[in-house]
Protein backbone atom coordinates (compact mmCIF):
# COMPACT_ATOMS: atom_id res chain seq x y z
CA UNK A 1 -27.81 -36.30 -0.68
CA UNK A 2 -25.59 -33.61 -1.73
CA UNK A 3 -23.55 -31.30 0.48
CA UNK A 4 -21.71 -27.92 -0.98
CA UNK A 5 -19.37 -25.78 1.66
CA UNK A 6 -18.44 -22.64 0.03
CA UNK A 7 -18.95 -18.81 -1.03
CA UNK A 8 -22.48 -17.27 -1.16
CA UNK A 9 -22.37 -13.79 -2.44
CA UNK A 10 -24.73 -11.21 -4.04
CA UNK A 11 -23.48 -9.87 -7.20
CA UNK A 12 -24.55 -6.73 -8.40
CA UNK A 13 -23.82 -5.40 -12.11
CA UNK A 14 -23.95 -2.24 -13.23
CA UNK A 15 -23.49 -2.69 -17.32
CA UNK A 16 -23.31 -0.86 -20.65
CA UNK A 17 -21.28 2.80 -19.10
CA UNK A 18 -20.35 4.71 -22.07
CA UNK A 19 -16.61 4.78 -20.10
CA UNK A 20 -15.38 3.49 -16.58
CA UNK A 21 -15.63 6.10 -13.98
CA UNK A 22 -12.13 8.05 -12.57
CA UNK A 23 -11.68 9.45 -9.68
CA UNK A 24 -11.06 13.52 -9.33
CA UNK A 25 -11.96 13.97 -5.41
CA UNK A 26 -15.51 14.05 -3.55
CA UNK A 27 -17.67 15.74 -5.90
CA UNK A 28 -18.97 14.60 -9.10
CA UNK A 29 -17.97 15.84 -12.24
CA UNK A 30 -18.06 14.81 -15.96
CA UNK A 31 -15.54 11.92 -15.50
CA UNK A 32 -16.38 10.40 -12.11
CA UNK A 33 -20.26 10.62 -12.49
CA UNK A 34 -21.10 8.01 -15.54
CA UNK A 35 -25.04 7.43 -16.32
CA UNK A 36 -26.31 4.17 -17.71
CA UNK A 37 -29.44 3.59 -19.56
CA UNK A 38 -28.74 -0.33 -18.27
CA UNK A 39 -30.51 -0.84 -14.61
CA UNK A 40 -28.32 -2.40 -11.88
CA UNK A 41 -28.97 -6.30 -12.00
CA UNK A 42 -28.33 -8.74 -9.03
CA UNK A 43 -27.70 -12.19 -9.21
CA UNK A 44 -27.02 -15.36 -7.36
CA UNK A 45 -23.19 -15.88 -6.75
CA UNK A 46 -20.60 -17.69 -4.77
CA UNK A 47 -19.10 -20.86 -5.96
CA UNK A 48 -20.93 -22.46 -3.07
CA UNK A 49 -24.31 -20.91 -3.51
CA UNK A 50 -24.05 -21.27 -7.55
CA UNK A 51 -23.01 -24.84 -7.51
CA UNK A 52 -26.08 -25.67 -4.85
CA UNK A 53 -28.96 -24.18 -6.52
CA UNK A 54 -27.68 -25.64 -9.93
CA UNK A 55 -27.87 -29.12 -8.04
CA UNK A 56 -31.37 -28.36 -7.08
CA UNK A 57 -32.57 -27.17 -10.23
CA UNK A 58 -31.14 -30.51 -11.99
CA UNK A 59 -33.62 -32.35 -9.36
CA UNK A 60 -30.84 -33.34 -6.79
CA UNK A 61 -31.41 -33.04 -2.82
CA UNK A 62 -28.48 -30.97 -1.42
CA UNK A 63 -27.68 -28.76 1.83
CA UNK A 64 -25.65 -25.26 1.44
CA UNK A 65 -22.90 -24.73 4.52
CA UNK A 66 -21.84 -21.38 4.38
CA UNK A 67 -22.21 -17.62 6.21
CA UNK A 68 -24.80 -15.19 5.23
CA UNK A 69 -24.78 -11.48 6.91
CA UNK A 70 -27.58 -10.55 9.22
CA UNK A 71 -28.54 -8.19 6.57
CA UNK A 72 -31.19 -7.73 3.60
CA UNK A 73 -29.13 -8.81 0.81
CA UNK A 74 -28.71 -12.09 3.08
CA UNK A 75 -32.02 -12.16 3.20
CA UNK A 76 -32.59 -12.03 -0.72
CA UNK A 77 -30.16 -15.00 -1.15
CA UNK A 78 -31.39 -17.37 1.75
CA UNK A 79 -34.86 -16.81 0.06
CA UNK A 80 -33.78 -17.27 -3.63
CA UNK A 81 -32.00 -20.86 -2.64
CA UNK A 82 -34.27 -22.09 -0.39
CA UNK A 83 -36.85 -21.06 -3.07
CA UNK A 84 -34.64 -23.47 -5.22
CA UNK A 85 -35.12 -26.69 -2.41
CA UNK A 86 -31.63 -25.89 -1.35
CA UNK A 87 -31.23 -27.26 2.24
CA UNK A 88 -30.01 -24.33 4.65
CA UNK A 89 -30.14 -25.30 8.00
CA UNK A 90 -25.80 -25.17 7.41
CA UNK A 91 -26.17 -21.68 6.51
CA UNK A 92 -25.50 -19.39 9.33
CA UNK A 93 -26.16 -16.03 9.71
CA UNK A 94 -23.38 -13.78 11.09
CA UNK A 95 -24.19 -10.19 13.47
CA UNK A 96 -22.18 -7.92 12.63
CA UNK A 97 -20.83 -8.98 9.62
CA UNK A 98 -22.44 -8.23 6.06
CA UNK A 99 -23.55 -10.89 3.14
CA UNK A 100 -20.31 -11.08 0.73
CA UNK A 101 -20.96 -8.66 -2.65
CA UNK A 102 -19.34 -8.27 -5.46
CA UNK A 103 -19.65 -5.68 -7.59
CA UNK A 104 -19.02 -5.34 -11.28
CA UNK A 105 -19.16 -2.49 -13.15
CA UNK A 106 -18.12 -3.24 -17.04
CA UNK A 107 -18.63 -0.78 -20.29
CA UNK A 108 -19.74 -1.41 -23.50
CA UNK A 109 -16.42 -2.42 -24.82
CA UNK A 110 -16.46 -4.89 -21.59
CA UNK A 111 -13.91 -3.66 -20.06
CA UNK A 112 -14.60 -4.51 -16.20
CA UNK A 113 -13.76 -3.10 -12.62
CA UNK A 114 -14.58 -4.87 -10.11
CA UNK A 115 -14.99 -4.86 -6.25
CA UNK A 116 -15.52 -7.11 -3.59
CA UNK A 117 -16.56 -7.54 -0.02
CA UNK A 118 -15.94 -11.02 1.39
CA UNK A 119 -18.32 -10.17 4.62
CA UNK A 120 -19.37 -13.61 5.92
CA UNK A 121 -17.97 -15.87 3.76
CA UNK A 122 -14.88 -15.36 6.32
CA UNK A 123 -16.38 -16.56 9.29
CA UNK A 124 -16.98 -20.19 7.79
CA UNK A 125 -14.86 -23.15 8.84
CA UNK A 126 -14.76 -26.83 7.90
CA UNK A 127 -16.49 -27.82 11.21
CA UNK A 128 -19.13 -26.24 9.88
CA UNK A 129 -20.45 -29.33 8.48
CA UNK A 130 -21.19 -31.77 11.51
CA UNK A 131 -21.13 -35.52 11.72
CA UNK A 132 -24.84 -36.21 11.46
CA UNK A 133 -24.66 -33.49 7.68
CA UNK A 134 -22.32 -36.41 6.15
CA UNK A 135 -23.70 -39.54 7.50
CA UNK A 136 -26.26 -38.06 5.43
CA UNK A 137 -24.41 -37.18 2.17
CA UNK A 138 -23.10 -39.15 -0.15
CA UNK A 139 -21.05 -36.51 -2.15
CA UNK A 140 -19.64 -33.76 -0.45
CA UNK A 141 -18.45 -31.03 -2.88
CA UNK A 142 -15.73 -27.76 -1.40
CA UNK A 143 -15.53 -25.35 -3.15
CA UNK A 144 -14.09 -21.46 -3.25
CA UNK A 145 -10.87 -22.94 -1.48
CA UNK A 146 -8.48 -20.32 -2.13
CA UNK A 147 -11.02 -17.40 -0.91
CA UNK A 148 -12.01 -19.06 2.23
CA UNK A 149 -9.49 -18.92 5.04
CA UNK A 150 -11.48 -20.91 7.77
CA UNK A 151 -10.69 -23.95 5.34
CA UNK A 152 -7.15 -23.51 4.55
CA UNK A 153 -5.49 -25.80 5.25
CA UNK A 154 -6.50 -27.71 8.40
CA UNK A 155 -9.98 -26.83 8.38
CA UNK A 156 -10.76 -28.76 5.04
CA UNK A 157 -7.92 -31.67 6.11
CA UNK A 158 -10.22 -32.50 8.65
CA UNK A 159 -13.22 -32.15 7.14
CA UNK A 160 -12.43 -34.62 4.23
CA UNK A 161 -10.58 -36.82 6.80
CA UNK A 162 -14.29 -37.12 8.66
CA UNK A 163 -15.93 -37.71 5.13
CA UNK A 164 -13.98 -40.21 4.16
CA UNK A 165 -14.64 -41.86 7.38
CA UNK A 166 -18.42 -41.63 6.78
CA UNK A 167 -18.04 -43.32 3.54
CA UNK A 168 -18.79 -39.62 2.04
CA UNK A 169 -17.68 -39.09 -1.95
CA UNK A 170 -15.14 -36.08 -1.31
CA UNK A 171 -14.41 -33.74 -4.56
CA UNK A 172 -12.93 -30.24 -4.24
CA UNK A 173 -12.53 -27.47 -6.57
CA UNK A 174 -9.46 -24.91 -5.65
CA UNK A 175 -10.58 -21.92 -7.65
CA UNK A 176 -10.69 -19.25 -8.20
CA UNK A 177 -6.78 -18.45 -8.48
CA UNK A 178 -6.87 -15.03 -6.91
CA UNK A 179 -5.22 -13.29 -3.62
CA UNK A 180 -3.15 -16.13 -2.45
CA UNK A 181 -3.69 -19.34 -4.55
CA UNK A 182 -3.19 -22.91 -3.26
CA UNK A 183 0.03 -24.35 -4.06
CA UNK A 184 0.97 -28.32 -4.45
CA UNK A 185 2.58 -28.27 -1.44
CA UNK A 186 -0.19 -26.65 1.31
CA UNK A 187 -2.50 -29.11 -0.87
CA UNK A 188 -0.67 -32.41 -0.57
CA UNK A 189 -2.56 -33.36 2.70
CA UNK A 190 -5.96 -33.01 1.40
CA UNK A 191 -5.31 -35.22 -1.88
CA UNK A 192 -4.82 -37.95 0.19
CA UNK A 193 -8.74 -37.54 0.91
CA UNK A 194 -10.00 -36.40 -2.42
CA UNK A 195 -11.81 -38.30 -4.71
CA UNK A 196 -11.94 -35.55 -7.10
CA UNK A 197 -9.93 -32.63 -8.23
CA UNK A 198 -11.20 -30.00 -9.83
CA UNK A 199 -9.91 -26.31 -11.35
CA UNK A 200 -9.29 -24.94 -14.67
CA UNK A 201 -6.26 -24.94 -16.70
CA UNK A 202 -5.03 -22.03 -15.13
CA UNK A 203 -5.62 -22.65 -11.44
CA UNK A 204 -4.03 -25.80 -12.64
CA UNK A 205 -0.81 -24.06 -13.59
CA UNK A 206 -0.68 -22.02 -10.62
CA UNK A 207 -1.23 -24.97 -8.27
CA UNK A 208 1.37 -27.22 -9.67
CA UNK A 209 4.38 -24.55 -11.23
CA UNK A 210 3.77 -26.35 -14.08
CA UNK A 211 2.80 -25.54 -18.04
CA UNK A 212 2.66 -28.95 -19.47
CA UNK A 213 -1.13 -29.87 -18.90
CA UNK A 214 -0.70 -33.21 -19.06
CA UNK A 215 2.23 -33.57 -16.30
CA UNK A 216 0.61 -31.16 -14.48
CA UNK A 217 -2.24 -33.24 -13.92
CA UNK A 218 0.19 -36.66 -13.43
CA UNK A 219 1.28 -34.50 -10.02
CA UNK A 220 -1.93 -34.35 -8.64
CA UNK A 221 -2.91 -37.92 -9.25
CA UNK A 222 0.32 -38.68 -8.01
CA UNK A 223 -0.81 -36.36 -4.83
CA UNK A 224 -3.43 -38.77 -4.06
CA UNK A 225 -6.40 -37.89 -5.64
CA UNK A 226 -8.56 -40.24 -7.54
CA UNK A 227 -9.47 -38.60 -10.41
CA UNK A 228 -8.19 -34.87 -11.86
CA UNK A 229 -11.12 -32.92 -13.81
CA UNK A 230 -9.79 -29.63 -15.92
CA UNK A 231 -12.10 -27.38 -17.11
CA UNK A 232 -10.88 -25.72 -20.25
CA UNK A 233 -14.75 -23.30 -21.57
CA UNK A 234 -15.27 -23.52 -24.86
CA UNK A 235 -12.61 -26.86 -25.48
CA UNK A 236 -14.85 -28.80 -22.88
CA UNK A 237 -12.66 -31.02 -20.21
CA UNK A 238 -9.99 -33.14 -19.50
CA UNK A 239 -10.24 -36.14 -17.42
CA UNK A 240 -7.35 -38.10 -15.87
CA UNK A 241 -7.70 -41.11 -13.06
CA UNK A 242 -5.13 -42.34 -11.31
CA UNK A 243 -4.25 -45.75 -12.78
CA UNK A 244 -4.76 -44.60 -16.34
CA UNK A 245 -1.63 -45.72 -18.37
CA UNK A 246 -2.95 -43.62 -21.25
CA UNK A 247 -2.75 -40.53 -20.26
CA UNK A 248 -5.66 -37.60 -19.85
CA UNK A 249 -8.87 -37.50 -21.75
CA UNK A 250 -10.16 -34.67 -23.96
CA UNK A 251 -14.16 -34.40 -23.30
CA UNK A 252 -15.05 -31.81 -25.91
CA UNK A 253 -17.45 -28.97 -24.94
CA UNK A 254 -19.83 -27.62 -27.09
CA UNK A 255 -20.70 -24.99 -29.98
CA UNK A 256 -22.78 -22.18 -28.58
CA UNK A 257 -23.61 -18.68 -28.32
CA UNK A 258 -21.82 -17.67 -25.27
CA UNK A 259 -24.14 -14.65 -23.31
CA UNK A 260 -22.71 -15.12 -19.94
CA UNK A 261 -19.45 -16.83 -18.30
CA UNK A 262 -21.49 -16.69 -14.70
CA UNK A 263 -21.90 -19.89 -12.84
CA UNK A 264 -19.99 -21.63 -15.64
CA UNK A 265 -17.94 -23.70 -13.92
CA UNK A 266 -19.71 -24.33 -10.70
CA UNK A 267 -22.76 -25.55 -13.71
CA UNK A 268 -20.34 -27.97 -14.62
CA UNK A 269 -19.28 -29.58 -11.24
CA UNK A 270 -23.08 -29.71 -10.74
CA UNK A 271 -23.65 -31.80 -13.90
CA UNK A 272 -20.67 -33.71 -13.49
CA UNK A 273 -21.35 -34.86 -9.51
CA UNK A 274 -24.83 -35.17 -10.41
CA UNK A 275 -23.78 -38.30 -13.15
CA UNK A 276 -20.85 -39.68 -11.37
CA UNK A 277 -23.77 -39.92 -8.31
CA UNK A 278 -25.64 -41.65 -10.70
CA UNK A 279 -22.81 -44.35 -11.93
CA UNK A 280 -21.37 -42.67 -15.14
CA UNK A 281 -17.67 -43.07 -15.31
CA UNK A 282 -15.81 -39.65 -15.27
CA UNK A 283 -15.68 -39.01 -18.97
CA UNK A 284 -19.38 -39.63 -19.29
CA UNK A 285 -20.20 -37.30 -15.99
CA UNK A 286 -17.37 -34.70 -17.60
CA UNK A 287 -19.81 -35.00 -21.13
CA UNK A 288 -22.77 -34.17 -18.57
CA UNK A 289 -21.18 -31.54 -17.10
CA UNK A 290 -20.29 -29.27 -20.52
CA UNK A 291 -23.68 -29.62 -21.45
CA UNK A 292 -24.79 -28.16 -18.23
CA UNK A 293 -22.31 -25.29 -18.08
CA UNK A 294 -23.58 -25.13 -22.24
CA UNK A 295 -26.97 -24.40 -21.17
CA UNK A 296 -26.13 -21.50 -18.83
CA UNK A 297 -23.40 -19.96 -20.58
CA UNK A 298 -26.35 -19.57 -23.33
CA UNK A 299 -28.83 -18.07 -21.67
CA UNK A 300 -28.71 -14.67 -21.15
CA UNK A 301 -30.88 -13.93 -18.10
CA UNK A 302 -31.36 -15.71 -15.08
CA UNK A 303 -28.83 -18.67 -16.51
CA UNK A 304 -28.76 -21.31 -14.05
CA UNK A 305 -32.74 -21.29 -13.94
CA UNK A 306 -32.84 -22.59 -17.19
CA UNK A 307 -31.14 -26.36 -15.78
CA UNK A 308 -33.38 -28.97 -15.25
CA UNK A 309 -31.53 -32.94 -15.54
CA UNK A 310 -34.57 -33.07 -18.68
CA UNK A 311 -33.17 -30.04 -20.35
CA UNK A 312 -29.15 -31.05 -19.75
CA UNK A 313 -29.95 -34.84 -21.11
CA UNK A 314 -31.70 -33.20 -24.75
CA UNK A 315 -28.90 -30.75 -25.18
CA UNK A 316 -26.39 -33.26 -24.44
CA UNK A 317 -27.69 -35.88 -26.95
CA UNK A 318 -29.01 -33.21 -29.78
CA UNK A 319 -26.04 -30.66 -29.65
CA UNK A 320 -22.92 -30.92 -31.54
CA UNK A 321 -19.63 -31.14 -30.16
CA UNK A 322 -16.71 -28.64 -30.69
């Protein structure tokens, strides 16, 4: 079984505004009140929830560990996840705290303003996963490290140490690089217990202070992790395993018509780790992860629901790569 610990957030989208609003006091004015034809949309969000949902859609047994508020948004998100087959026993409902939300306003030119409330995500710590769940888990994915204060830094280290003792494969995605993103100095104790270190190229640069991709990846491997996987959007991914003398291997992405980028990185993680669990090499797994993400970004409505094991396998075999 897979276990995912990370954020669970309700994303709210107000799209296709004529212009983004400007504040002019407490009255409705021509500039502060903006009409929009597109209705408000809600979507499952948060790195942990997205990754768990994607794994469930791919047919994998998966448990989510995280936090939701005791509110109607928490009820809605719990229903969405459970309906997809995600085990929810590790998701705690916190009284007096709201479910995390991100409200995203965008105009017709795709300029955006976002408002984020971390809510119950801030209350989740490494000890939220008990030893019994670790014993049942062949793979543990830690996501949202940078924005979950209960995991930084000792909570995550202790969790991965316990996972290593139980024989559980560990993967850590350190994104997103916002707020107070982690640096290599903070992550060194965690790397010793990390089998797969995952992030995007920007996050890697912030972490290592190194602009050269190969050098930055090498720093992470030398810190103790077994394999570094860098997500690169349309360009696919780059993989470096410990002991690989020839350096990083580029794994091309797929040529698709991009409809959305929401959930792309989380779905890559799901596809990559699913393939690893089935015996694929990291390079083969990255190709499957690229295909998983490509399906999501090319699907305009309910993109994670387009995922299935068969759909990704067919897409990977039949679609042109960049």
